[in-house]
Every structure is written in C-alpha cells, then in structure tokens.
C-alpha cells in the first residue's frame, strides 16, 4: 500500500525541492558569471585544495564529489586543458591515476572563492537566524545519515574545514 504524502508533507517536499533547485541554480549562475566555471569544477578544485599535497586518486575524487568515473574524467580533462589540474600515474601503482591541483588552479580557486562564499551566505545563511542554521544543520545530518548508507559523506559534512584549505574561507 502506498503511503501518500499528506498536505503538510507535500508542502514541505515541494518547498525543499524548489529551494534546492533554486539554490543550486543561483550558485551555478554566480560561478559561471564571475569565474567562468561550473559548480562541479569548483567542487573538484576545492576538494583537491583540501587534500594532502593537493592530490587525490581519481577514485577518491569521484567518491568525494559524488560523480561517476566517466563524468569526473570528462571534467578533469577540461580542468587539465585549463592548466588547473594535472594527472599522473601513481608512483607505486601504475593502474591508479592521481589528480593534482596546480598552483594556477589554486589561484583560480582563491579568486573564485570570495564570490562563491558571498552567494552561499546571501542565499542560504543570511535569511536564517543562528538557531535556524543549527536546526537546518541538525535536520540535514539526520537526512544525510539515512541516505549515506556507506558513510561516504558524513565525515565531510561534519567537518569544520571549508573548501580551499589555505585559509581562504570558501565553501564547496
């Protein structure tokens, strides 16, 4: 038997659906307009910037940014063409490919971060009180726990670090 949403649940679902869609669209538009890059590229650069030696295996990177290997490979190809990322074989395992954020890529990320953080702040945090931010975080952690059965996102979501570990105070 189908457990249909009641009126309150339906209103909540639609508010969540439209809010997440509009928030993603706003962040995508800001990054495209100001930095000429999609949010996906920003996320890849940010995750690499937070990693030791600014390097991850392609498998690790795919898992962190929740991307299929083929989609990630396509994105990293573009980032390589821009000179923002390099790929090399792992020194002890030739089957493993490493993605490394270049100095140029790090500078691009540092330049993009202030506008991105401002957009996140304006669209997500400024309309909320401190108490509402805490409630939102707690609610999102509950949902994340039920969705992330492998525990792949939980540690990252609970982390206090932000994209670009060079103290540039950005977000992913």
Protein backbone atom coordinates (compact mmCIF):
# COMPACT_ATOMS: atom_id res chain seq x y z
CA UNK A 1 0.00 0.00 0.00
CA UNK A 2 1.35 3.41 -0.98
CA UNK A 3 1.95 5.84 1.86
CA UNK A 4 0.92 9.08 0.13
CA UNK A 5 2.20 12.38 1.42
CA UNK A 6 -0.29 14.33 3.48
CA UNK A 7 -0.86 18.01 2.78
CA UNK A 8 1.84 19.19 5.21
CA UNK A 9 4.40 16.68 3.88
CA UNK A 10 3.58 17.62 0.29
CA UNK A 11 4.09 21.31 1.05
CA UNK A 12 7.39 20.53 2.80
CA UNK A 13 8.56 18.33 -0.05
CA UNK A 14 7.81 20.97 -2.66
CA UNK A 15 9.45 23.72 -0.61
CA UNK A 16 12.56 21.54 -0.29
CA UNK A 17 12.53 20.63 -3.98
CA UNK A 18 12.22 24.20 -5.23
CA UNK A 19 14.61 25.63 -2.64
CA UNK A 20 17.38 23.17 -3.50
CA UNK A 21 16.83 23.65 -7.22
CA UNK A 22 16.84 27.46 -6.98
CA UNK A 23 19.85 27.46 -4.62
CA UNK A 24 21.84 25.23 -6.98
CA UNK A 25 20.84 27.40 -9.94
CA UNK A 26 21.88 30.58 -8.11
CA UNK A 27 25.28 29.14 -7.15
CA UNK A 28 25.85 27.79 -10.65
CA UNK A 29 24.94 31.15 -12.20
CA UNK A 30 27.22 33.09 -9.86
CA UNK A 31 30.22 30.85 -10.57
CA UNK A 32 29.60 30.89 -14.32
CA UNK A 33 29.15 34.67 -14.37
CA UNK A 34 32.03 35.62 -12.08
CA UNK A 35 34.55 32.80 -12.58
CA UNK A 36 33.56 31.20 -15.89
CA UNK A 37 33.35 27.75 -14.33
CA UNK A 38 30.55 25.37 -13.38
CA UNK A 39 29.97 24.50 -9.74
CA UNK A 40 31.23 20.97 -10.43
CA UNK A 41 34.66 22.32 -11.41
CA UNK A 42 34.74 24.49 -8.32
CA UNK A 43 33.93 21.48 -6.14
CA UNK A 44 36.72 19.43 -7.76
CA UNK A 45 39.25 22.23 -7.26
CA UNK A 46 38.11 22.78 -3.67
CA UNK A 47 38.33 19.11 -2.73
CA UNK A 48 41.81 18.85 -4.22
CA UNK A 49 42.87 22.02 -2.37
CA UNK A 50 41.93 20.39 0.95
CA UNK A 51 43.82 17.17 0.28
CA UNK A 52 47.40 16.45 1.31
CA UNK A 53 49.73 17.76 -1.40
CA UNK A 54 46.54 18.93 -3.19
CA UNK A 55 46.35 15.40 -4.66
CA UNK A 56 43.76 12.60 -4.70
CA UNK A 57 43.35 9.44 -6.72
CA UNK A 58 40.68 9.78 -9.35
CA UNK A 59 38.66 7.15 -7.46
CA UNK A 60 38.86 9.12 -4.22
CA UNK A 61 37.93 12.32 -6.02
CA UNK A 62 34.95 10.67 -7.74
CA UNK A 63 33.72 9.39 -4.38
CA UNK A 64 34.14 12.76 -2.64
CA UNK A 65 32.34 14.78 -5.32
CA UNK A 66 29.75 12.02 -5.84
CA UNK A 67 30.50 11.63 -9.53
CA UNK A 68 30.72 8.69 -11.88
CA UNK A 69 34.28 7.95 -13.01
CA UNK A 70 33.44 8.85 -16.62
CA UNK A 71 31.79 12.16 -15.72
CA UNK A 72 34.69 13.06 -13.42
CA UNK A 73 37.22 12.12 -16.12
CA UNK A 74 35.49 14.47 -18.56
CA UNK A 75 35.53 17.32 -16.02
CA UNK A 76 39.18 16.73 -15.12
CA UNK A 77 40.03 16.73 -18.85
CA UNK A 78 38.65 20.28 -19.03
CA UNK A 79 40.47 21.31 -15.87
CA UNK A 80 43.69 19.87 -17.31
CA UNK A 81 43.17 21.79 -20.55
CA UNK A 82 42.88 24.97 -18.46
CA UNK A 83 46.10 24.12 -16.63
CA UNK A 84 44.30 23.88 -13.28
CA UNK A 85 44.82 20.15 -12.64
CA UNK A 86 47.38 17.59 -13.75
CA UNK A 87 47.01 13.84 -13.88
CA UNK A 88 49.84 11.40 -13.32
CA UNK A 89 50.20 7.70 -12.62
CA UNK A 90 50.68 6.70 -9.00
CA UNK A 91 54.40 6.05 -8.41
CA UNK A 92 53.83 2.60 -6.85
CA UNK A 93 50.64 1.53 -8.63
CA UNK A 94 50.60 2.31 -12.35
CA UNK A 95 46.90 1.38 -12.53
CA UNK A 96 45.98 4.32 -10.30
CA UNK A 97 45.75 7.86 -11.62
CA UNK A 98 46.38 10.85 -9.40
CA UNK A 99 44.75 14.25 -9.87
CA UNK A 100 46.74 17.19 -8.52
CA UNK A 101 45.68 20.81 -8.20
CA UNK A 102 48.26 23.03 -9.89
CA UNK A 103 49.42 26.36 -8.50
CA UNK A 104 47.44 28.04 -11.28
CA UNK A 105 44.35 26.03 -10.32
CA UNK A 106 44.78 27.01 -6.70
CA UNK A 107 44.98 30.69 -7.68
CA UNK A 108 41.81 30.32 -9.79
CA UNK A 109 40.07 28.73 -6.81
CA UNK A 110 41.26 31.51 -4.48
CA UNK A 111 39.92 34.10 -6.92
CA UNK A 112 36.55 32.33 -7.25
CA UNK A 113 36.07 31.62 -3.54
CA UNK A 114 35.03 35.09 -2.26
CA UNK A 115 32.16 35.46 -4.74
CA UNK A 116 31.04 31.88 -4.18
CA UNK A 117 31.09 32.27 -0.39
CA UNK A 118 29.14 35.51 -0.67
CA UNK A 119 26.50 33.78 -2.81
CA UNK A 120 26.22 30.89 -0.34
CA UNK A 121 25.93 33.35 2.54
CA UNK A 122 23.35 35.53 0.75
CA UNK A 123 21.13 32.68 -0.42
CA UNK A 124 21.45 30.17 2.43
CA UNK A 125 22.60 31.78 5.67
CA UNK A 126 21.55 35.43 5.66
CA UNK A 127 17.79 34.68 5.57
CA UNK A 128 18.14 32.43 8.66
CA UNK A 129 18.74 33.10 12.34
CA UNK A 130 21.62 31.32 14.13
CA UNK A 131 19.07 28.99 15.71
CA UNK A 132 17.55 28.16 12.31
CA UNK A 133 21.03 27.42 10.90
CA UNK A 134 21.61 24.98 13.78
CA UNK A 135 18.21 23.36 13.20
CA UNK A 136 18.86 23.11 9.46
CA UNK A 137 22.28 21.51 10.04
CA UNK A 138 20.83 19.01 12.51
CA UNK A 139 18.00 18.13 10.13
CA UNK A 140 20.39 17.73 7.21
CA UNK A 141 22.66 15.46 9.25
CA UNK A 142 19.68 13.22 10.06
CA UNK A 143 18.74 13.04 6.37
CA UNK A 144 22.34 12.50 5.32
CA UNK A 145 22.69 9.63 7.75
CA UNK A 146 19.63 7.89 6.28
CA UNK A 147 20.77 8.45 2.68
CA UNK A 148 24.52 7.90 3.03
CA UNK A 149 24.42 4.23 3.98
CA UNK A 150 28.14 3.80 3.23
CA UNK A 151 29.15 6.77 5.40
CA UNK A 152 30.95 8.42 2.47
CA UNK A 153 29.61 11.95 3.03
CA UNK A 154 29.09 12.08 6.78
CA UNK A 155 32.65 12.86 7.84
CA UNK A 156 32.93 15.59 5.22
CA UNK A 157 29.57 17.10 6.21
CA UNK A 158 30.53 17.19 9.88
CA UNK A 159 33.96 18.65 9.16
CA UNK A 160 34.64 22.24 10.05
CA UNK A 161 37.11 22.72 7.21
CA UNK A 162 35.97 24.58 4.14
CA UNK A 163 37.00 24.44 0.52
CA UNK A 164 40.45 25.75 -0.02
CA UNK A 165 42.48 24.83 3.00
CA UNK A 166 44.72 27.87 2.53
CA UNK A 167 42.58 29.82 4.99
CA UNK A 168 40.67 31.42 2.16
CA UNK A 169 37.35 30.79 3.87
CA UNK A 170 35.39 29.40 0.93
CA UNK A 171 32.75 26.71 0.54
CA UNK A 172 32.16 23.90 -1.86
